[in-house]
Amino acid sequence: MSLRVVFMGTPDFSVPTLMEIVGQGHEVVACYSQPPRPAGRGMDLKKSPVHEAAESLGIPVLTPNSLKGTDEQAAFKALEADVAVVVAYGLLLPKAILDAPAHGCLNLHASLLPRWRGAAPINRAIMAGDPETGIQVMRMEEGLDTGPVCMSETVAIDALMTAGELHDRLSALGGDLMVRALAALSRDALTTAPQPGDGVTYAPKLLKEETRIDWSASNTDVHNHIRGLSPFPGAWTEFSIGNKQERLKILRSAPDTSSGASGCVLSVDDDPVIACGRGAVRLLQVQRAGKKPMSGKEFLRGAPLKTGDQLS
């Protein structure tokens, strides 16, 4: 049986779930997304990926700045949805919104709750060196990602996997998981289990201040920091060109057993090898300011980096 669905999402991560819901024959009566934001060199207003996808499907799109007002809440209730599906929407849902659909609101969350509740679960899982994570459908309540879990898929995190690669994997799995949950809901067969009381951690939004690489950390921590921030916002360091410092994003790395003073360039024979507080990392992919990503070898062909230099 098809359901009347309100879809609420904003970034690329959310789009596969929207497409799966439509593809399975459910009626998406409206799409809520964050308002268009200035972007690009011209700072023109740009619609979110979900906004653009919904319009391509002929679905009405609503972009309120808040859902706290009575008018917005009344408009939402008037949609008479069976269920709301929320995937990285970006706004807190007041109780009046949570209670409006006949079967409440289902959220797709990119972690194995209660670990990594919050805004940046994919990045935080990799930065912490977690060996696995997952994607879950949960029933929403007023707390931050505290609702009971309906369905779950576990995903192994490879030692070299970046946040971008994990993002794409979980996004694709999430679409399939959500339509399975909707199918069970339509049969009145969607069961839930409360989250465990132990193991609660939070995944706060990434801050600019934490993107700079700390070379005094161990090579494991530096490597996890790099891949957990790749490709965006990107972990970075600085190297010297003459008497100037240039910023360098590090997009891919691999632990190395070499040793030396923290931040010291140990080798430029192949990909650059940089010493950490313990061990070292090999820089496999980097990006200079204003340039496209390139391999460590390509970087060395155009940068005056030599053994013994210090990265700040």
C-alpha atoms as a PDB file:
ATOM      1  CA  MET A   1       0.000   0.000   0.000  1.00  0.00           C
ATOM      2  CA  SER A   2       1.344   3.429  -0.924  1.00  0.00           C
ATOM      3  CA  LEU A   3       1.656   6.109   1.754  1.00  0.00           C
ATOM      4  CA  ARG A   4       1.223   9.871   1.745  1.00  0.00           C
ATOM      5  CA  VAL A   5       4.726  11.066   2.608  1.00  0.00           C
ATOM      6  CA  VAL A   6       6.206  14.440   3.490  1.00  0.00           C
ATOM      7  CA  PHE A   7       9.935  14.333   2.757  1.00  0.00           C
ATOM      8  CA  MET A   8      12.290  16.594   4.714  1.00  0.00           C
ATOM      9  CA  GLY A   9      15.937  16.799   3.650  1.00  0.00           C
ATOM     10  CA  THR A  10      18.591  19.110   2.269  1.00  0.00           C
ATOM     11  CA  PRO A  11      22.012  17.770   1.118  1.00  0.00           C
ATOM     12  CA  ASP A  12      23.170  15.235  -1.475  1.00  0.00           C
ATOM     13  CA  PHE A  13      23.038  12.538   1.210  1.00  0.00           C
ATOM     14  CA  SER A  14      19.234  12.794   1.290  1.00  0.00           C
ATOM     15  CA  VAL A  15      18.534  12.541  -2.440  1.00  0.00           C
ATOM     16  CA  PRO A  16      18.777   8.724  -2.898  1.00  0.00           C
ATOM     17  CA  THR A  17      16.163   8.227  -0.184  1.00  0.00           C
ATOM     18  CA  LEU A  18      13.763  10.647  -1.874  1.00  0.00           C
ATOM     19  CA  MET A  19      14.268   8.905  -5.215  1.00  0.00           C
ATOM     20  CA  GLU A  20      13.696   5.452  -3.693  1.00  0.00           C
ATOM     21  CA  ILE A  21      10.487   6.568  -1.987  1.00  0.00           C
ATOM     22  CA  VAL A  22       9.106   7.945  -5.241  1.00  0.00           C
ATOM     23  CA  GLY A  23      10.319   4.896  -7.158  1.00  0.00           C
ATOM     24  CA  GLN A  24       8.416   2.586  -4.815  1.00  0.00           C
ATOM     25  CA  GLY A  25       5.151   4.334  -5.647  1.00  0.00           C
ATOM     26  CA  HIS A  26       4.599   6.346  -2.485  1.00  0.00           C
ATOM     27  CA  GLU A  27       2.928   9.744  -2.880  1.00  0.00           C
ATOM     28  CA  VAL A  28       5.319  12.481  -1.774  1.00  0.00           C
ATOM     29  CA  VAL A  29       2.855  15.303  -1.184  1.00  0.00           C
ATOM     30  CA  ALA A  30       5.492  17.912  -0.316  1.00  0.00           C
ATOM     31  CA  CYS A  31       9.213  18.314   0.197  1.00  0.00           C
ATOM     32  CA  TYR A  32      10.714  20.494   2.926  1.00  0.00           C
ATOM     33  CA  SER A  33      14.289  21.721   2.483  1.00  0.00           C
ATOM     34  CA  GLN A  34      16.602  24.461   3.708  1.00  0.00           C
ATOM     35  CA  PRO A  35      16.155  27.805   1.889  1.00  0.00           C
ATOM     36  CA  PRO A  36      18.425  28.613  -1.079  1.00  0.00           C
ATOM     37  CA  ARG A  37      21.817  29.935   0.062  1.00  0.00           C
ATOM     38  CA  PRO A  38      24.423  32.178  -1.610  1.00  0.00           C
ATOM     39  CA  ALA A  39      27.062  30.030  -3.336  1.00  0.00           C
ATOM     40  CA  GLY A  40      29.831  30.239  -5.908  1.00  0.00           C
ATOM     41  CA  ARG A  41      31.947  33.194  -6.940  1.00  0.00           C
ATOM     42  CA  GLY A  42      28.905  35.305  -7.766  1.00  0.00           C
ATOM     43  CA  MET A  43      27.203  34.328  -4.483  1.00  0.00           C
ATOM     44  CA  ASP A  44      23.970  33.667  -6.361  1.00  0.00           C
ATOM     45  CA  LEU A  45      21.222  31.896  -4.443  1.00  0.00           C
ATOM     46  CA  LYS A  46      21.495  28.142  -4.947  1.00  0.00           C
ATOM     47  CA  LYS A  47      18.785  25.593  -4.221  1.00  0.00           C
ATOM     48  CA  SER A  48      19.676  22.549  -2.141  1.00  0.00           C
ATOM     49  CA  PRO A  49      20.187  19.166  -3.869  1.00  0.00           C
ATOM     50  CA  VAL A  50      16.899  17.919  -2.400  1.00  0.00           C
ATOM     51  CA  HIS A  51      15.099  21.056  -3.591  1.00  0.00           C
ATOM     52  CA  GLU A  52      16.357  20.532  -7.143  1.00  0.00           C
ATOM     53  CA  ALA A  53      15.571  16.802  -7.116  1.00  0.00           C
ATOM     54  CA  ALA A  54      12.044  17.389  -5.825  1.00  0.00           C
ATOM     55  CA  GLU A  55      11.323  20.030  -8.469  1.00  0.00           C
ATOM     56  CA  SER A  56      12.545  17.661 -11.188  1.00  0.00           C
ATOM     57  CA  LEU A  57       9.948  15.177  -9.941  1.00  0.00           C
ATOM     58  CA  GLY A  58       7.154  17.776  -9.828  1.00  0.00           C
ATOM     59  CA  ILE A  59       6.932  17.715  -6.038  1.00  0.00           C
ATOM     60  CA  PRO A  60       5.995  20.993  -4.275  1.00  0.00           C
ATOM     61  CA  VAL A  61       8.938  22.359  -2.252  1.00  0.00           C
ATOM     62  CA  LEU A  62       8.651  24.392   0.951  1.00  0.00           C
ATOM     63  CA  THR A  63      11.674  26.200   2.454  1.00  0.00           C
ATOM     64  CA  PRO A  64      10.656  27.823   5.763  1.00  0.00           C
ATOM     65  CA  ASN A  65      13.378  29.282   7.981  1.00  0.00           C
ATOM     66  CA  SER A  66      11.647  27.779  11.018  1.00  0.00           C
ATOM     67  CA  LEU A  67       8.844  25.384  11.892  1.00  0.00           C
ATOM     68  CA  LYS A  68       8.093  26.970  15.262  1.00  0.00           C
ATOM     69  CA  GLY A  69       5.314  29.285  14.047  1.00  0.00           C
ATOM     70  CA  THR A  70       1.667  28.287  14.257  1.00  0.00           C
ATOM     71  CA  ASP A  71       1.081  29.110  10.579  1.00  0.00           C
ATOM     72  CA  GLU A  72       3.873  26.770   9.442  1.00  0.00           C
ATOM     73  CA  GLN A  73       2.641  24.047  11.787  1.00  0.00           C
ATOM     74  CA  ALA A  74      -0.913  24.394  10.514  1.00  0.00           C
ATOM     75  CA  ALA A  75       0.280  24.201   6.894  1.00  0.00           C
ATOM     76  CA  PHE A  76       2.256  21.057   7.689  1.00  0.00           C
ATOM     77  CA  LYS A  77      -0.723  19.408   9.397  1.00  0.00           C
ATOM     78  CA  ALA A  78      -2.976  20.312   6.453  1.00  0.00           C
ATOM     79  CA  LEU A  79      -0.884  18.051   4.216  1.00  0.00           C
ATOM     80  CA  GLU A  80      -2.533  15.096   6.019  1.00  0.00           C
ATOM     81  CA  ALA A  81       0.537  12.912   5.654  1.00  0.00           C
ATOM     82  CA  ASP A  82       0.664   9.311   6.763  1.00  0.00           C
ATOM     83  CA  VAL A  83       4.326   9.770   7.695  1.00  0.00           C
ATOM     84  CA  ALA A  84       7.156  12.286   7.453  1.00  0.00           C
ATOM     85  CA  VAL A  85      10.583  11.022   6.381  1.00  0.00           C
ATOM     86  CA  VAL A  86      13.486  13.141   7.646  1.00  0.00           C
ATOM     87  CA  VAL A  87      17.007  12.803   6.214  1.00  0.00           C
ATOM     88  CA  ALA A  88      19.567  15.463   7.170  1.00  0.00           C
ATOM     89  CA  TYR A  89      16.982  18.240   7.026  1.00  0.00           C
ATOM     90  CA  GLY A  90      18.799  20.734   9.230  1.00  0.00           C
ATOM     91  CA  LEU A  91      15.944  22.112  11.341  1.00  0.00           C
ATOM     92  CA  LEU A  92      14.670  20.910  14.707  1.00  0.00           C
ATOM     93  CA  LEU A  93      11.115  19.601  14.538  1.00  0.00           C
ATOM     94  CA  PRO A  94       8.770  20.920  17.261  1.00  0.00           C
ATOM     95  CA  LYS A  95       6.368  18.516  18.924  1.00  0.00           C
ATOM     96  CA  ALA A  96       3.463  19.851  16.830  1.00  0.00           C
ATOM     97  CA  ILE A  97       5.305  18.771  13.667  1.00  0.00           C
ATOM     98  CA  LEU A  98       6.374  15.407  15.105  1.00  0.00           C
ATOM     99  CA  ASP A  99       2.786  14.623  16.071  1.00  0.00           C
ATOM    100  CA  ALA A 100       1.078  15.806  12.868  1.00  0.00           C
ATOM    101  CA  PRO A 101       1.498  12.773  10.529  1.00  0.00           C
ATOM    102  CA  ALA A 102      -0.752   9.809  11.292  1.00  0.00           C
ATOM    103  CA  HIS A 103       2.274   7.536  11.859  1.00  0.00           C
ATOM    104  CA  GLY A 104       4.693  10.173  13.124  1.00  0.00           C
ATOM    105  CA  CYS A 105       8.154  10.960  11.719  1.00  0.00           C
ATOM    106  CA  LEU A 106      10.878   8.531  10.673  1.00  0.00           C
ATOM    107  CA  ASN A 107      14.493   9.691  10.621  1.00  0.00           C
ATOM    108  CA  LEU A 108      17.426   8.195   8.713  1.00  0.00           C
ATOM    109  CA  HIS A 109      20.592   8.534  10.807  1.00  0.00           C
ATOM    110  CA  ALA A 110      24.130   7.658   9.694  1.00  0.00           C
ATOM    111  CA  SER A 111      25.468   5.842  12.751  1.00  0.00           C
ATOM    112  CA  LEU A 112      24.736   2.947  15.072  1.00  0.00           C
ATOM    113  CA  LEU A 113      22.854   4.764  17.802  1.00  0.00           C
ATOM    114  CA  PRO A 114      23.381   5.728  20.551  1.00  0.00           C
ATOM    115  CA  ARG A 115      26.927   6.249  19.254  1.00  0.00           C
ATOM    116  CA  TRP A 116      27.356   9.515  17.353  1.00  0.00           C
ATOM    117  CA  ARG A 117      24.093  11.302  17.921  1.00  0.00           C
ATOM    118  CA  GLY A 118      24.136  14.697  16.258  1.00  0.00           C
ATOM    119  CA  ALA A 119      25.206  16.552  13.143  1.00  0.00           C
ATOM    120  CA  ALA A 120      28.421  14.904  11.903  1.00  0.00           C
ATOM    121  CA  PRO A 121      28.269  11.145  12.620  1.00  0.00           C
ATOM    122  CA  ILE A 122      30.127  10.056   9.465  1.00  0.00           C
ATOM    123  CA  ASN A 123      33.118  12.324  10.032  1.00  0.00           C
ATOM    124  CA  ARG A 124      33.297  11.647  13.756  1.00  0.00           C
ATOM    125  CA  ALA A 125      33.225   7.865  13.319  1.00  0.00           C
ATOM    126  CA  ILE A 126      36.260   7.951  11.020  1.00  0.00           C
ATOM    127  CA  MET A 127      38.113  10.579  13.057  1.00  0.00           C
ATOM    128  CA  ALA A 128      37.698   8.331  16.113  1.00  0.00           C
ATOM    129  CA  GLY A 129      39.046   5.314  14.211  1.00  0.00           C
ATOM    130  CA  ASP A 130      35.830   3.287  14.551  1.00  0.00           C
ATOM    131  CA  PRO A 131      36.053  -0.058  12.712  1.00  0.00           C
ATOM    132  CA  GLU A 132      32.371   0.027  11.794  1.00  0.00           C
ATOM    133  CA  THR A 133      29.318   2.244  11.692  1.00  0.00           C
ATOM    134  CA  GLY A 134      25.882   1.964  10.118  1.00  0.00           C
ATOM    135  CA  ILE A 135      22.651   3.499   8.938  1.00  0.00           C
ATOM    136  CA  GLN A 136      19.433   3.351  10.939  1.00  0.00           C
ATOM    137  CA  VAL A 137      15.767   4.260  10.677  1.00  0.00           C
ATOM    138  CA  MET A 138      14.367   5.523  13.959  1.00  0.00           C
ATOM    139  CA  ARG A 139      11.111   7.000  15.168  1.00  0.00           C
ATOM    140  CA  MET A 140      11.645  10.634  16.033  1.00  0.00           C
ATOM    141  CA  GLU A 141      10.948  12.213  19.394  1.00  0.00           C
ATOM    142  CA  GLU A 142      11.868  15.562  20.905  1.00  0.00           C
ATOM    143  CA  GLY A 143      15.346  14.540  22.109  1.00  0.00           C
ATOM    144  CA  LEU A 144      18.434  14.697  19.875  1.00  0.00           C
ATOM    145  CA  ASP A 145      18.482  11.345  18.022  1.00  0.00           C
ATOM    146  CA  THR A 146      17.054   9.567  21.060  1.00  0.00           C
ATOM    147  CA  GLY A 147      14.123   7.749  19.447  1.00  0.00           C
ATOM    148  CA  PRO A 148      13.670   3.980  19.228  1.00  0.00           C
ATOM    149  CA  VAL A 149      15.326   2.219  16.289  1.00  0.00           C
ATOM    150  CA  CYS A 150      13.234   0.475  13.641  1.00  0.00           C
ATOM    151  CA  MET A 151      15.794  -0.921  11.171  1.00  0.00           C
ATOM    152  CA  SER A 152      19.570  -0.981  10.880  1.00  0.00           C
ATOM    153  CA  GLU A 153      22.430  -1.862   8.523  1.00  0.00           C
ATOM    154  CA  THR A 154      26.061  -2.152   9.658  1.00  0.00           C
ATOM    155  CA  VAL A 155      28.975  -1.060   7.471  1.00  0.00           C
ATOM    156  CA  ALA A 156      32.672  -1.832   7.991  1.00  0.00           C
ATOM    157  CA  ILE A 157      35.039   1.155   7.823  1.00  0.00           C
ATOM    158  CA  ASP A 158      38.151   0.248   5.850  1.00  0.00           C
ATOM    159  CA  ALA A 159      41.453   1.593   7.191  1.00  0.00           C
ATOM    160  CA  LEU A 160      41.851   3.922   4.181  1.00  0.00           C
ATOM    161  CA  MET A 161      38.165   4.848   3.691  1.00  0.00           C
ATOM    162  CA  THR A 162      37.446   8.582   3.609  1.00  0.00           C
ATOM    163  CA  ALA A 163      34.390  10.374   4.943  1.00  0.00           C
ATOM    164  CA  GLY A 164      33.296  11.012   1.363  1.00  0.00           C
ATOM    165  CA  GLU A 165      33.401   7.328   0.486  1.00  0.00           C
ATOM    166  CA  LEU A 166      31.526   6.342   3.647  1.00  0.00           C
ATOM    167  CA  HIS A 167      28.982   9.105   2.975  1.00  0.00           C
ATOM    168  CA  ASP A 168      28.193   7.674  -0.466  1.00  0.00           C
ATOM    169  CA  ARG A 169      27.957   4.114   0.837  1.00  0.00           C
ATOM    170  CA  LEU A 170      25.578   5.014   3.663  1.00  0.00           C
ATOM    171  CA  SER A 171      23.506   7.314   1.451  1.00  0.00           C
ATOM    172  CA  ALA A 172      22.804   4.503  -1.010  1.00  0.00           C
ATOM    173  CA  LEU A 173      22.063   1.985   1.768  1.00  0.00           C
ATOM    174  CA  GLY A 174      19.810   4.500   3.492  1.00  0.00           C
ATOM    175  CA  GLY A 175      17.439   4.817   0.568  1.00  0.00           C
ATOM    176  CA  ASP A 176      16.908   1.059   0.472  1.00  0.00           C
ATOM    177  CA  LEU A 177      16.528   0.842   4.251  1.00  0.00           C
ATOM    178  CA  MET A 178      13.922   3.585   4.402  1.00  0.00           C
ATOM    179  CA  VAL A 179      11.683   2.108   1.705  1.00  0.00           C
ATOM    180  CA  ARG A 180      11.836  -1.231   3.541  1.00  0.00           C
ATOM    181  CA  ALA A 181      10.722   0.590   6.685  1.00  0.00           C
ATOM    182  CA  LEU A 182       7.863   2.272   4.811  1.00  0.00           C
ATOM    183  CA  ALA A 183       6.778  -1.064   3.377  1.00  0.00           C
ATOM    184  CA  ALA A 184       6.625  -2.509   6.892  1.00  0.00           C
ATOM    185  CA  LEU A 185       4.784   0.593   8.130  1.00  0.00           C
ATOM    186  CA  SER A 186       2.164   0.230   5.401  1.00  0.00           C
ATOM    187  CA  ARG A 187       1.506  -3.324   6.672  1.00  0.00           C
ATOM    188  CA  ASP A 188       1.411  -2.138  10.292  1.00  0.00           C
ATOM    189  CA  ALA A 189       4.466  -4.336  10.851  1.00  0.00           C
ATOM    190  CA  LEU A 190       7.180  -1.791  11.681  1.00  0.00           C
ATOM    191  CA  THR A 191       8.659  -2.707  15.057  1.00  0.00           C
ATOM    192  CA  THR A 192      10.977  -0.621  17.235  1.00  0.00           C
ATOM    193  CA  ALA A 193      13.584  -1.212  19.925  1.00  0.00           C
ATOM    194  CA  PRO A 194      14.774   1.394  22.440  1.00  0.00           C
ATOM    195  CA  GLN A 195      18.356   2.565  22.149  1.00  0.00           C
ATOM    196  CA  PRO A 196      20.806   1.107  24.696  1.00  0.00           C
ATOM    197  CA  GLY A 197      21.413   3.275  27.732  1.00  0.00           C
ATOM    198  CA  ASP A 198      25.185   2.806  27.508  1.00  0.00           C
ATOM    199  CA  GLY A 199      27.584   3.988  24.824  1.00  0.00           C
ATOM    200  CA  VAL A 200      26.053   7.409  24.150  1.00  0.00           C
ATOM    201  CA  THR A 201      28.411   9.726  22.238  1.00  0.00           C
ATOM    202  CA  TYR A 202      27.779  12.937  20.326  1.00  0.00           C
ATOM    203  CA  ALA A 203      28.905  14.074  16.891  1.00  0.00           C
ATOM    204  CA  PRO A 204      28.940  17.879  16.985  1.00  0.00           C
ATOM    205  CA  LYS A 205      29.137  19.969  13.849  1.00  0.00           C
ATOM    206  CA  LEU A 206      32.654  20.285  12.437  1.00  0.00           C
ATOM    207  CA  LEU A 207      34.427  23.538  13.307  1.00  0.00           C
ATOM    208  CA  LYS A 208      37.038  25.351  11.229  1.00  0.00           C
ATOM    209  CA  GLU A 209      39.385  25.387  14.226  1.00  0.00           C
ATOM    210  CA  GLU A 210      39.685  21.596  14.273  1.00  0.00           C
ATOM    211  CA  THR A 211      40.587  21.116  10.616  1.00  0.00           C
ATOM    212  CA  ARG A 212      44.276  22.057  10.982  1.00  0.00           C
ATOM    213  CA  ILE A 213      46.558  19.021  11.307  1.00  0.00           C
ATOM    214  CA  ASP A 214      48.393  18.552  14.600  1.00  0.00           C
ATOM    215  CA  TRP A 215      51.625  16.818  13.599  1.00  0.00           C
ATOM    216  CA  SER A 216      52.460  16.114  17.256  1.00  0.00           C
ATOM    217  CA  ALA A 217      49.650  13.531  17.365  1.00  0.00           C
ATOM    218  CA  SER A 218      50.316   9.884  16.519  1.00  0.00           C
ATOM    219  CA  ASN A 219      50.331   8.812  12.887  1.00  0.00           C
ATOM    220  CA  THR A 220      47.112   6.857  13.518  1.00  0.00           C
ATOM    221  CA  ASP A 221      45.338   9.946  14.845  1.00  0.00           C
ATOM    222  CA  VAL A 222      46.693  12.175  12.056  1.00  0.00           C
ATOM    223  CA  HIS A 223      45.644   9.642   9.402  1.00  0.00           C
ATOM    224  CA  ASN A 224      42.139   9.323  10.868  1.00  0.00           C
ATOM    225  CA  HIS A 225      41.874  13.114  11.092  1.00  0.00           C
ATOM    226  CA  ILE A 226      42.800  13.483   7.412  1.00  0.00           C
ATOM    227  CA  ARG A 227      40.410  10.848   6.066  1.00  0.00           C
ATOM    228  CA  GLY A 228      37.615  11.896   8.444  1.00  0.00           C
ATOM    229  CA  LEU A 229      37.648  15.398   6.928  1.00  0.00           C
ATOM    230  CA  SER A 230      38.090  14.338   3.295  1.00  0.00           C
ATOM    231  CA  PRO A 231      36.994  15.693   0.896  1.00  0.00           C
ATOM    232  CA  PHE A 232      35.204  18.414   2.857  1.00  0.00           C
ATOM    233  CA  PRO A 233      36.059  20.546   4.733  1.00  0.00           C
ATOM    234  CA  GLY A 234      39.533  19.039   4.385  1.00  0.00           C
ATOM    235  CA  ALA A 235      42.386  18.708   6.882  1.00  0.00           C
ATOM    236  CA  TRP A 236      45.220  21.128   6.156  1.00  0.00           C
ATOM    237  CA  THR A 237      48.744  22.183   6.970  1.00  0.00           C
ATOM    238  CA  GLU A 238      51.141  24.834   5.674  1.00  0.00           C
ATOM    239  CA  PHE A 239      54.466  24.655   3.836  1.00  0.00           C
ATOM    240  CA  SER A 240      56.943  27.376   2.948  1.00  0.00           C
ATOM    241  CA  ILE A 241      57.479  28.873  -0.495  1.00  0.00           C
ATOM    242  CA  GLY A 242      60.285  31.375  -0.110  1.00  0.00           C
ATOM    243  CA  ASN A 243      59.279  33.511   2.869  1.00  0.00           C
ATOM    244  CA  LYS A 244      55.564  32.813   2.417  1.00  0.00           C
ATOM    245  CA  GLN A 245      53.364  30.087   3.859  1.00  0.00           C
ATOM    246  CA  GLU A 246      50.944  28.261   1.561  1.00  0.00           C
ATOM    247  CA  ARG A 247      48.009  26.197   2.777  1.00  0.00           C
ATOM    248  CA  LEU A 248      47.888  22.570   1.658  1.00  0.00           C
ATOM    249  CA  LYS A 249      44.845  20.314   2.055  1.00  0.00           C
ATOM    250  CA  ILE A 250      45.613  16.646   2.645  1.00  0.00           C
ATOM    251  CA  LEU A 251      42.875  14.452   1.163  1.00  0.00           C
ATOM    252  CA  ARG A 252      44.380  10.955   1.396  1.00  0.00           C
ATOM    253  CA  SER A 253      47.129   9.476   3.513  1.00  0.00           C
ATOM    254  CA  ALA A 254      48.527   6.180   4.759  1.00  0.00           C
ATOM    255  CA  PRO A 255      50.374   5.400   8.001  1.00  0.00           C
ATOM    256  CA  ASP A 256      54.142   4.932   7.652  1.00  0.00           C
ATOM    257  CA  THR A 257      56.658   3.442  10.086  1.00  0.00           C
ATOM    258  CA  SER A 258      59.301   6.162   9.584  1.00  0.00           C
ATOM    259  CA  SER A 259      60.078   8.488  12.484  1.00  0.00           C
ATOM    260  CA  GLY A 260      61.419  11.988  13.079  1.00  0.00           C
ATOM    261  CA  ALA A 261      60.562  15.379  14.550  1.00  0.00           C
ATOM    262  CA  SER A 262      56.845  16.186  14.335  1.00  0.00           C
ATOM    263  CA  GLY A 263      55.943  17.838  11.016  1.00  0.00           C
ATOM    264  CA  CYS A 264      59.343  17.162   9.466  1.00  0.00           C
ATOM    265  CA  VAL A 265      59.511  16.037   5.816  1.00  0.00           C
ATOM    266  CA  LEU A 266      61.251  12.652   5.999  1.00  0.00           C
ATOM    267  CA  SER A 267      61.183  11.663   2.323  1.00  0.00           C
ATOM    268  CA  VAL A 268      60.393  13.145  -1.089  1.00  0.00           C
ATOM    269  CA  ASP A 269      61.495  10.128  -3.118  1.00  0.00           C
ATOM    270  CA  ASP A 270      57.920   9.069  -3.869  1.00  0.00           C
ATOM    271  CA  ASP A 271      54.848  10.487  -2.091  1.00  0.00           C
ATOM    272  CA  PRO A 272      55.920  12.892   0.694  1.00  0.00           C
ATOM    273  CA  VAL A 273      56.411  11.250   4.095  1.00  0.00           C
ATOM    274  CA  ILE A 274      55.780  13.496   7.107  1.00  0.00           C
ATOM    275  CA  ALA A 275      56.755  12.678  10.684  1.00  0.00           C
ATOM    276  CA  CYS A 276      54.138  12.651  13.426  1.00  0.00           C
ATOM    277  CA  GLY A 277      54.440  12.528  17.204  1.00  0.00           C
ATOM    278  CA  ARG A 278      54.701   8.769  16.763  1.00  0.00           C
ATOM    279  CA  GLY A 279      55.387   7.258  13.347  1.00  0.00           C
ATOM    280  CA  ALA A 280      54.647   9.133  10.131  1.00  0.00           C
ATOM    281  CA  VAL A 281      52.092   9.451   7.326  1.00  0.00           C
ATOM    282  CA  ARG A 282      52.513   9.241   3.584  1.00  0.00           C
ATOM    283  CA  LEU A 283      50.615  11.923   1.668  1.00  0.00           C
ATOM    284  CA  LEU A 284      48.768  10.147  -1.155  1.00  0.00           C
ATOM    285  CA  GLN A 285      46.536  12.992  -2.370  1.00  0.00           C
ATOM    286  CA  VAL A 286      46.757  16.720  -1.690  1.00  0.00           C
ATOM    287  CA  GLN A 287      45.284  19.981  -2.935  1.00  0.00           C
ATOM    288  CA  ARG A 288      47.073  23.303  -3.178  1.00  0.00           C
ATOM    289  CA  ALA A 289      45.093  26.531  -2.830  1.00  0.00           C
ATOM    290  CA  GLY A 290      43.207  27.240  -6.041  1.00  0.00           C
ATOM    291  CA  LYS A 291      44.282  23.939  -7.629  1.00  0.00           C
ATOM    292  CA  LYS A 292      42.642  20.589  -8.291  1.00  0.00           C
ATOM    293  CA  PRO A 293      43.432  17.542  -6.153  1.00  0.00           C
ATOM    294  CA  MET A 294      46.664  15.800  -7.161  1.00  0.00           C
ATOM    295  CA  SER A 295      48.757  12.862  -6.052  1.00  0.00           C
ATOM    296  CA  GLY A 296      51.627  13.368  -3.658  1.00  0.00           C
ATOM    297  CA  LYS A 297      54.053  12.669  -6.508  1.00  0.00           C
ATOM    298  CA  GLU A 298      52.441  15.335  -8.706  1.00  0.00           C
ATOM    299  CA  PHE A 299      52.632  17.820  -5.844  1.00  0.00           C
ATOM    300  CA  LEU A 300      56.362  17.232  -5.443  1.00  0.00           C
ATOM    301  CA  ARG A 301      56.976  17.953  -9.116  1.00  0.00           C
ATOM    302  CA  GLY A 302      55.641  21.480  -8.681  1.00  0.00           C
ATOM    303  CA  ALA A 303      56.476  22.330  -5.055  1.00  0.00           C
ATOM    304  CA  PRO A 304      59.866  23.214  -3.567  1.00  0.00           C
ATOM    305  CA  LEU A 305      59.567  20.639  -0.787  1.00  0.00           C
ATOM    306  CA  LYS A 306      62.687  18.803   0.345  1.00  0.00           C
ATOM    307  CA  THR A 307      63.764  16.401   3.061  1.00  0.00           C
ATOM    308  CA  GLY A 308      64.186  18.230   6.358  1.00  0.00           C
ATOM    309  CA  ASP A 309      61.584  20.913   5.657  1.00  0.00           C
ATOM    310  CA  GLN A 310      59.031  21.575   8.367  1.00  0.00           C
ATOM    311  CA  LEU A 311      55.252  21.661   7.901  1.00  0.00           C
ATOM    312  CA  SER A 312      53.566  24.021  10.334  1.00  0.00           C
END
